[in-house]
Amino acid sequence: MEFSVLDHVLVPKHRILSEEEKRSLLEKFNISEIQLPKILANDPAVKALGAKPGDVIEIERPSPTAGKTLYYRLVVRG
């Protein structure tokens, strides 16, 4: 029996940003790629997505005050 970590109730929604979305995000916050928080390429959720080093992952977490909150992580070798 195979299990997808992304389907687990405690794992928030993850997705890989397109290059255009990534560029827009970096411009919006006036930061460079290396200033983003990091996530390892060997993280189970990252592996399940098929992300590779250099990709930016958007993580959507529930928030009691805002409804949902978006977090961004740069995939690095791990």
PDB file of N, CA and C in Angstrom:
ATOM      1  N   MET A   1       0.842  -1.173   0.000  1.00  0.00           N
ATOM      2  CA  MET A   1       0.000   0.000   0.000  1.00  0.00           C
ATOM      3  C   MET A   1       0.893   1.246   0.000  1.00  0.00           C
ATOM      4  N   GLU A   2       0.662   2.146  -0.954  1.00  0.00           N
ATOM      5  CA  GLU A   2       1.459   3.357  -1.065  1.00  0.00           C
ATOM      6  C   GLU A   2       0.699   4.519  -0.442  1.00  0.00           C
ATOM      7  N   PHE A   3       1.425   5.394   0.250  1.00  0.00           N
ATOM      8  CA  PHE A   3       0.833   6.519   0.957  1.00  0.00           C
ATOM      9  C   PHE A   3       1.444   7.819   0.457  1.00  0.00           C
ATOM     10  N   SER A   4       0.604   8.810   0.140  1.00  0.00           N
ATOM     11  CA  SER A   4       1.090  10.130  -0.271  1.00  0.00           C
ATOM     12  C   SER A   4       1.054  11.059   0.935  1.00  0.00           C
ATOM     13  N   VAL A   5       2.200  11.571   1.290  1.00  0.00           N
ATOM     14  CA  VAL A   5       2.298  12.467   2.447  1.00  0.00           C
ATOM     15  C   VAL A   5       1.438  13.716   2.239  1.00  0.00           C
ATOM     16  N   LEU A   6       1.240  14.149   0.995  1.00  0.00           N
ATOM     17  CA  LEU A   6       0.463  15.355   0.724  1.00  0.00           C
ATOM     18  C   LEU A   6      -1.022  15.189   1.007  1.00  0.00           C
ATOM     19  N   ASP A   7      -1.477  13.939   1.105  1.00  0.00           N
ATOM     20  CA  ASP A   7      -2.891  13.678   1.389  1.00  0.00           C
ATOM     21  C   ASP A   7      -3.199  13.601   2.882  1.00  0.00           C
ATOM     22  N   HIS A   8      -2.176  13.683   3.719  1.00  0.00           N
ATOM     23  CA  HIS A   8      -2.383  13.572   5.161  1.00  0.00           C
ATOM     24  C   HIS A   8      -3.049  14.840   5.694  1.00  0.00           C
ATOM     25  N   VAL A   9      -3.947  14.681   6.637  1.00  0.00           N
ATOM     26  CA  VAL A   9      -4.725  15.788   7.192  1.00  0.00           C
ATOM     27  C   VAL A   9      -3.848  16.849   7.877  1.00  0.00           C
ATOM     28  N   LEU A  10      -2.702  16.466   8.404  1.00  0.00           N
ATOM     29  CA  LEU A  10      -1.840  17.416   9.102  1.00  0.00           C
ATOM     30  C   LEU A  10      -0.819  18.117   8.206  1.00  0.00           C
ATOM     31  N   VAL A  11      -0.761  17.741   6.941  1.00  0.00           N
ATOM     32  CA  VAL A  11       0.190  18.361   6.006  1.00  0.00           C
ATOM     33  C   VAL A  11      -0.543  19.448   5.227  1.00  0.00           C
ATOM     34  N   PRO A  12      -0.078  20.712   5.344  1.00  0.00           N
ATOM     35  CA  PRO A  12      -0.749  21.789   4.613  1.00  0.00           C
ATOM     36  C   PRO A  12      -0.523  21.669   3.109  1.00  0.00           C
ATOM     37  N   LYS A  13      -1.303  22.410   2.357  1.00  0.00           N
ATOM     38  CA  LYS A  13      -1.202  22.381   0.895  1.00  0.00           C
ATOM     39  C   LYS A  13       0.146  22.965   0.443  1.00  0.00           C
ATOM     40  N   HIS A  14       0.840  22.236  -0.417  1.00  0.00           N
ATOM     41  CA  HIS A  14       2.120  22.670  -0.992  1.00  0.00           C
ATOM     42  C   HIS A  14       1.968  22.747  -2.503  1.00  0.00           C
ATOM     43  N   ARG A  15       2.644  23.721  -3.123  1.00  0.00           N
ATOM     44  CA  ARG A  15       2.713  23.756  -4.584  1.00  0.00           C
ATOM     45  C   ARG A  15       3.990  24.469  -5.004  1.00  0.00           C
ATOM     46  N   ILE A  16       4.463  24.122  -6.200  1.00  0.00           N
ATOM     47  CA  ILE A  16       5.660  24.735  -6.752  1.00  0.00           C
ATOM     48  C   ILE A  16       5.238  25.971  -7.539  1.00  0.00           C
ATOM     49  N   LEU A  17       5.923  27.103  -7.286  1.00  0.00           N
ATOM     50  CA  LEU A  17       5.632  28.320  -8.038  1.00  0.00           C
ATOM     51  C   LEU A  17       6.259  28.232  -9.424  1.00  0.00           C
ATOM     52  N   SER A  18       5.585  28.819 -10.405  1.00  0.00           N
ATOM     53  CA  SER A  18       6.160  28.917 -11.752  1.00  0.00           C
ATOM     54  C   SER A  18       7.287  29.956 -11.694  1.00  0.00           C
ATOM     55  N   GLU A  19       8.102  29.992 -12.722  1.00  0.00           N
ATOM     56  CA  GLU A  19       9.205  30.968 -12.774  1.00  0.00           C
ATOM     57  C   GLU A  19       8.661  32.397 -12.732  1.00  0.00           C
ATOM     58  N   GLU A  20       7.537  32.641 -13.393  1.00  0.00           N
ATOM     59  CA  GLU A  20       6.936  33.975 -13.395  1.00  0.00           C
ATOM     60  C   GLU A  20       6.433  34.345 -11.995  1.00  0.00           C
ATOM     61  N   GLU A  21       5.778  33.401 -11.318  1.00  0.00           N
ATOM     62  CA  GLU A  21       5.298  33.642  -9.950  1.00  0.00           C
ATOM     63  C   GLU A  21       6.470  33.871  -9.005  1.00  0.00           C
ATOM     64  N   LYS A  22       7.531  33.121  -9.198  1.00  0.00           N
ATOM     65  CA  LYS A  22       8.734  33.259  -8.367  1.00  0.00           C
ATOM     66  C   LYS A  22       9.333  34.656  -8.531  1.00  0.00           C
ATOM     67  N   ARG A  23       9.469  35.106  -9.777  1.00  0.00           N
ATOM     68  CA  ARG A  23      10.030  36.429 -10.058  1.00  0.00           C
ATOM     69  C   ARG A  23       9.149  37.523  -9.436  1.00  0.00           C
ATOM     70  N   SER A  24       7.825  37.365  -9.580  1.00  0.00           N
ATOM     71  CA  SER A  24       6.882  38.334  -9.033  1.00  0.00           C
ATOM     72  C   SER A  24       6.980  38.403  -7.500  1.00  0.00           C
ATOM     73  N   LEU A  25       7.115  37.238  -6.863  1.00  0.00           N
ATOM     74  CA  LEU A  25       7.242  37.171  -5.407  1.00  0.00           C
ATOM     75  C   LEU A  25       8.497  37.907  -4.933  1.00  0.00           C
ATOM     76  N   LEU A  26       9.614  37.649  -5.595  1.00  0.00           N
ATOM     77  CA  LEU A  26      10.876  38.285  -5.219  1.00  0.00           C
ATOM     78  C   LEU A  26      10.818  39.795  -5.418  1.00  0.00           C
ATOM     79  N   GLU A  27      10.168  40.241  -6.493  1.00  0.00           N
ATOM     80  CA  GLU A  27      10.009  41.683  -6.733  1.00  0.00           C
ATOM     81  C   GLU A  27       9.082  42.310  -5.702  1.00  0.00           C
ATOM     82  N   LYS A  28       8.001  41.621  -5.374  1.00  0.00           N
ATOM     83  CA  LYS A  28       7.016  42.135  -4.412  1.00  0.00           C
ATOM     84  C   LYS A  28       7.663  42.441  -3.066  1.00  0.00           C
ATOM     85  N   PHE A  29       8.519  41.534  -2.595  1.00  0.00           N
ATOM     86  CA  PHE A  29       9.160  41.705  -1.297  1.00  0.00           C
ATOM     87  C   PHE A  29      10.558  42.322  -1.395  1.00  0.00           C
ATOM     88  N   ASN A  30      10.986  42.638  -2.635  1.00  0.00           N
ATOM     89  CA  ASN A  30      12.290  43.244  -2.879  1.00  0.00           C
ATOM     90  C   ASN A  30      13.414  42.449  -2.205  1.00  0.00           C
ATOM     91  N   ILE A  31      13.434  41.150  -2.486  1.00  0.00           N
ATOM     92  CA  ILE A  31      14.436  40.256  -1.910  1.00  0.00           C
ATOM     93  C   ILE A  31      15.063  39.415  -3.017  1.00  0.00           C
ATOM     94  N   SER A  32      16.158  38.774  -2.682  1.00  0.00           N
ATOM     95  CA  SER A  32      16.764  37.823  -3.619  1.00  0.00           C
ATOM     96  C   SER A  32      16.360  36.419  -3.190  1.00  0.00           C
ATOM     97  N   GLU A  33      16.567  35.483  -4.084  1.00  0.00           N
ATOM     98  CA  GLU A  33      16.196  34.090  -3.835  1.00  0.00           C
ATOM     99  C   GLU A  33      16.805  33.540  -2.548  1.00  0.00           C
ATOM    100  N   ILE A  34      18.074  33.866  -2.287  1.00  0.00           N
ATOM    101  CA  ILE A  34      18.765  33.304  -1.120  1.00  0.00           C
ATOM    102  C   ILE A  34      18.258  33.864   0.207  1.00  0.00           C
ATOM    103  N   GLN A  35      17.447  34.929   0.160  1.00  0.00           N
ATOM    104  CA  GLN A  35      16.893  35.497   1.390  1.00  0.00           C
ATOM    105  C   GLN A  35      15.617  34.795   1.843  1.00  0.00           C
ATOM    106  N   LEU A  36      15.081  33.906   1.007  1.00  0.00           N
ATOM    107  CA  LEU A  36      13.886  33.147   1.391  1.00  0.00           C
ATOM    108  C   LEU A  36      14.256  32.081   2.419  1.00  0.00           C
ATOM    109  N   PRO A  37      13.322  31.718   3.293  1.00  0.00           N
ATOM    110  CA  PRO A  37      13.561  30.575   4.182  1.00  0.00           C
ATOM    111  C   PRO A  37      13.776  29.325   3.333  1.00  0.00           C
ATOM    112  N   LYS A  38      14.522  28.369   3.853  1.00  0.00           N
ATOM    113  CA  LYS A  38      14.899  27.178   3.094  1.00  0.00           C
ATOM    114  C   LYS A  38      14.064  25.957   3.501  1.00  0.00           C
ATOM    115  N   ILE A  39      13.958  25.012   2.566  1.00  0.00           N
ATOM    116  CA  ILE A  39      13.383  23.702   2.828  1.00  0.00           C
ATOM    117  C   ILE A  39      14.258  22.700   2.077  1.00  0.00           C
ATOM    118  N   LEU A  40      14.576  21.601   2.709  1.00  0.00           N
ATOM    119  CA  LEU A  40      15.476  20.624   2.097  1.00  0.00           C
ATOM    120  C   LEU A  40      14.795  19.822   0.995  1.00  0.00           C
ATOM    121  N   ALA A  41      15.567  19.512  -0.032  1.00  0.00           N
ATOM    122  CA  ALA A  41      15.053  18.734  -1.168  1.00  0.00           C
ATOM    123  C   ALA A  41      14.639  17.334  -0.739  1.00  0.00           C
ATOM    124  N   ASN A  42      15.179  16.843   0.373  1.00  0.00           N
ATOM    125  CA  ASN A  42      14.804  15.499   0.830  1.00  0.00           C
ATOM    126  C   ASN A  42      13.637  15.514   1.821  1.00  0.00           C
ATOM    127  N   ASP A  43      12.988  16.665   2.009  1.00  0.00           N
ATOM    128  CA  ASP A  43      11.776  16.753   2.824  1.00  0.00           C
ATOM    129  C   ASP A  43      10.691  15.912   2.139  1.00  0.00           C
ATOM    130  N   PRO A  44       9.948  15.106   2.880  1.00  0.00           N
ATOM    131  CA  PRO A  44       8.940  14.230   2.268  1.00  0.00           C
ATOM    132  C   PRO A  44       7.927  14.963   1.380  1.00  0.00           C
ATOM    133  N   ALA A  45       7.464  16.133   1.796  1.00  0.00           N
ATOM    134  CA  ALA A  45       6.487  16.879   0.989  1.00  0.00           C
ATOM    135  C   ALA A  45       7.129  17.385  -0.301  1.00  0.00           C
ATOM    136  N   VAL A  46       8.366  17.822  -0.232  1.00  0.00           N
ATOM    137  CA  VAL A  46       9.082  18.316  -1.409  1.00  0.00           C
ATOM    138  C   VAL A  46       9.324  17.172  -2.391  1.00  0.00           C
ATOM    139  N   LYS A  47       9.708  16.016  -1.855  1.00  0.00           N
ATOM    140  CA  LYS A  47       9.917  14.841  -2.708  1.00  0.00           C
ATOM    141  C   LYS A  47       8.616  14.437  -3.399  1.00  0.00           C
ATOM    142  N   ALA A  48       7.502  14.490  -2.663  1.00  0.00           N
ATOM    143  CA  ALA A  48       6.209  14.109  -3.232  1.00  0.00           C
ATOM    144  C   ALA A  48       5.783  15.057  -4.351  1.00  0.00           C
ATOM    145  N   LEU A  49       6.164  16.331  -4.233  1.00  0.00           N
ATOM    146  CA  LEU A  49       5.846  17.306  -5.272  1.00  0.00           C
ATOM    147  C   LEU A  49       6.733  17.148  -6.501  1.00  0.00           C
ATOM    148  N   GLY A  50       7.914  16.586  -6.295  1.00  0.00           N
ATOM    149  CA  GLY A  50       8.878  16.474  -7.391  1.00  0.00           C
ATOM    150  C   GLY A  50       9.672  17.750  -7.582  1.00  0.00           C
ATOM    151  N   ALA A  51       9.761  18.565  -6.530  1.00  0.00           N
ATOM    152  CA  ALA A  51      10.521  19.820  -6.608  1.00  0.00           C
ATOM    153  C   ALA A  51      12.015  19.533  -6.578  1.00  0.00           C
ATOM    154  N   LYS A  52      12.768  20.464  -7.159  1.00  0.00           N
ATOM    155  CA  LYS A  52      14.218  20.319  -7.210  1.00  0.00           C
ATOM    156  C   LYS A  52      14.863  21.577  -6.636  1.00  0.00           C
ATOM    157  N   PRO A  53      16.142  21.514  -6.255  1.00  0.00           N
ATOM    158  CA  PRO A  53      16.813  22.703  -5.719  1.00  0.00           C
ATOM    159  C   PRO A  53      16.657  23.900  -6.664  1.00  0.00           C
ATOM    160  N   GLY A  54      16.335  25.039  -6.075  1.00  0.00           N
ATOM    161  CA  GLY A  54      16.102  26.254  -6.850  1.00  0.00           C
ATOM    162  C   GLY A  54      14.628  26.569  -7.022  1.00  0.00           C
ATOM    163  N   ASP A  55      13.756  25.574  -6.831  1.00  0.00           N
ATOM    164  CA  ASP A  55      12.314  25.810  -6.902  1.00  0.00           C
ATOM    165  C   ASP A  55      11.856  26.535  -5.636  1.00  0.00           C
ATOM    166  N   VAL A  56      10.767  27.279  -5.751  1.00  0.00           N
ATOM    167  CA  VAL A  56      10.149  27.921  -4.594  1.00  0.00           C
ATOM    168  C   VAL A  56       8.810  27.241  -4.358  1.00  0.00           C
ATOM    169  N   ILE A  57       8.595  26.835  -3.116  1.00  0.00           N
ATOM    170  CA  ILE A  57       7.372  26.149  -2.708  1.00  0.00           C
ATOM    171  C   ILE A  57       6.481  27.138  -1.960  1.00  0.00           C
ATOM    172  N   GLU A  58       5.188  27.136  -2.313  1.00  0.00           N
ATOM    173  CA  GLU A  58       4.201  27.912  -1.570  1.00  0.00           C
ATOM    174  C   GLU A  58       3.460  26.948  -0.656  1.00  0.00           C
ATOM    175  N   ILE A  59       3.418  27.275   0.625  1.00  0.00           N
ATOM    176  CA  ILE A  59       2.738  26.438   1.612  1.00  0.00           C
ATOM    177  C   ILE A  59       1.564  27.239   2.163  1.00  0.00           C
ATOM    178  N   GLU A  60       0.369  26.675   2.034  1.00  0.00           N
ATOM    179  CA  GLU A  60      -0.846  27.335   2.503  1.00  0.00           C
ATOM    180  C   GLU A  60      -1.275  26.700   3.818  1.00  0.00           C
ATOM    181  N   ARG A  61      -1.172  27.470   4.893  1.00  0.00           N
ATOM    182  CA  ARG A  61      -1.528  26.961   6.219  1.00  0.00           C
ATOM    183  C   ARG A  61      -2.790  27.659   6.723  1.00  0.00           C
ATOM    184  N   PRO A  62      -3.623  26.925   7.448  1.00  0.00           N
ATOM    185  CA  PRO A  62      -4.809  27.573   8.033  1.00  0.00           C
ATOM    186  C   PRO A  62      -4.392  28.528   9.149  1.00  0.00           C
ATOM    187  N   SER A  63      -5.129  29.637   9.271  1.00  0.00           N
ATOM    188  CA  SER A  63      -4.862  30.626  10.303  1.00  0.00           C
ATOM    189  C   SER A  63      -6.163  30.963  11.010  1.00  0.00           C
ATOM    190  N   PRO A  64      -6.163  30.958  12.341  1.00  0.00           N
ATOM    191  CA  PRO A  64      -7.401  31.261  13.064  1.00  0.00           C
ATOM    192  C   PRO A  64      -7.879  32.702  12.858  1.00  0.00           C
ATOM    193  N   THR A  65      -6.975  33.617  12.521  1.00  0.00           N
ATOM    194  CA  THR A  65      -7.369  35.019  12.347  1.00  0.00           C
ATOM    195  C   THR A  65      -7.507  35.430  10.891  1.00  0.00           C
ATOM    196  N   ALA A  66      -6.660  34.909  10.016  1.00  0.00           N
ATOM    197  CA  ALA A  66      -6.673  35.329   8.611  1.00  0.00           C
ATOM    198  C   ALA A  66      -7.368  34.320   7.692  1.00  0.00           C
ATOM    199  N   GLY A  67      -7.742  33.161   8.214  1.00  0.00           N
ATOM    200  CA  GLY A  67      -8.345  32.132   7.376  1.00  0.00           C
ATOM    201  C   GLY A  67      -7.284  31.223   6.781  1.00  0.00           C
ATOM    202  N   LYS A  68      -6.355  31.813   6.028  1.00  0.00           N
ATOM    203  CA  LYS A  68      -5.220  31.062   5.509  1.00  0.00           C
ATOM    204  C   LYS A  68      -4.017  31.993   5.418  1.00  0.00           C
ATOM    205  N   THR A  69      -2.843  31.435   5.535  1.00  0.00           N
ATOM    206  CA  THR A  69      -1.601  32.185   5.459  1.00  0.00           C
ATOM    207  C   THR A  69      -0.674  31.471   4.491  1.00  0.00           C
ATOM    208  N   LEU A  70       0.003  32.253   3.645  1.00  0.00           N
ATOM    209  CA  LEU A  70       0.924  31.684   2.673  1.00  0.00           C
ATOM    210  C   LEU A  70       2.361  31.850   3.153  1.00  0.00           C
ATOM    211  N   TYR A  71       3.126  30.780   3.044  1.00  0.00           N
ATOM    212  CA  TYR A  71       4.544  30.766   3.387  1.00  0.00           C
ATOM    213  C   TYR A  71       5.303  30.325   2.158  1.00  0.00           C
ATOM    214  N   TYR A  72       6.513  30.822   1.992  1.00  0.00           N
ATOM    215  CA  TYR A  72       7.334  30.471   0.836  1.00  0.00           C
ATOM    216  C   TYR A  72       8.666  29.930   1.299  1.00  0.00           C
ATOM    217  N   ARG A  73       9.138  28.881   0.627  1.00  0.00           N
ATOM    218  CA  ARG A  73      10.406  28.252   0.966  1.00  0.00           C
ATOM    219  C   ARG A  73      11.188  27.958  -0.308  1.00  0.00           C
ATOM    220  N   LEU A  74      12.490  28.197  -0.267  1.00  0.00           N
ATOM    221  CA  LEU A  74      13.390  27.863  -1.361  1.00  0.00           C
ATOM    222  C   LEU A  74      13.913  26.451  -1.153  1.00  0.00           C
ATOM    223  N   VAL A  75      13.789  25.614  -2.151  1.00  0.00           N
ATOM    224  CA  VAL A  75      14.271  24.241  -2.063  1.00  0.00           C
ATOM    225  C   VAL A  75      15.782  24.252  -2.236  1.00  0.00           C
ATOM    226  N   VAL A  76      16.480  23.639  -1.261  1.00  0.00           N
ATOM    227  CA  VAL A  76      17.947  23.526  -1.306  1.00  0.00           C
ATOM    228  C   VAL A  76      18.338  22.058  -1.187  1.00  0.00           C
ATOM    229  N   ARG A  77      19.561  21.744  -1.596  1.00  0.00           N
ATOM    230  CA  ARG A  77      20.040  20.364  -1.513  1.00  0.00           C
ATOM    231  C   ARG A  77      20.013  19.881  -0.067  1.00  0.00           C
ATOM    232  N   GLY A  78      19.690  18.600   0.083  1.00  0.00           N
ATOM    233  CA  GLY A  78      19.623  18.107   1.447  1.00  0.00           C
ATOM    234  C   GLY A  78      20.065  16.709   1.609  1.00  0.00           C
TER     235      GLY A  78
END
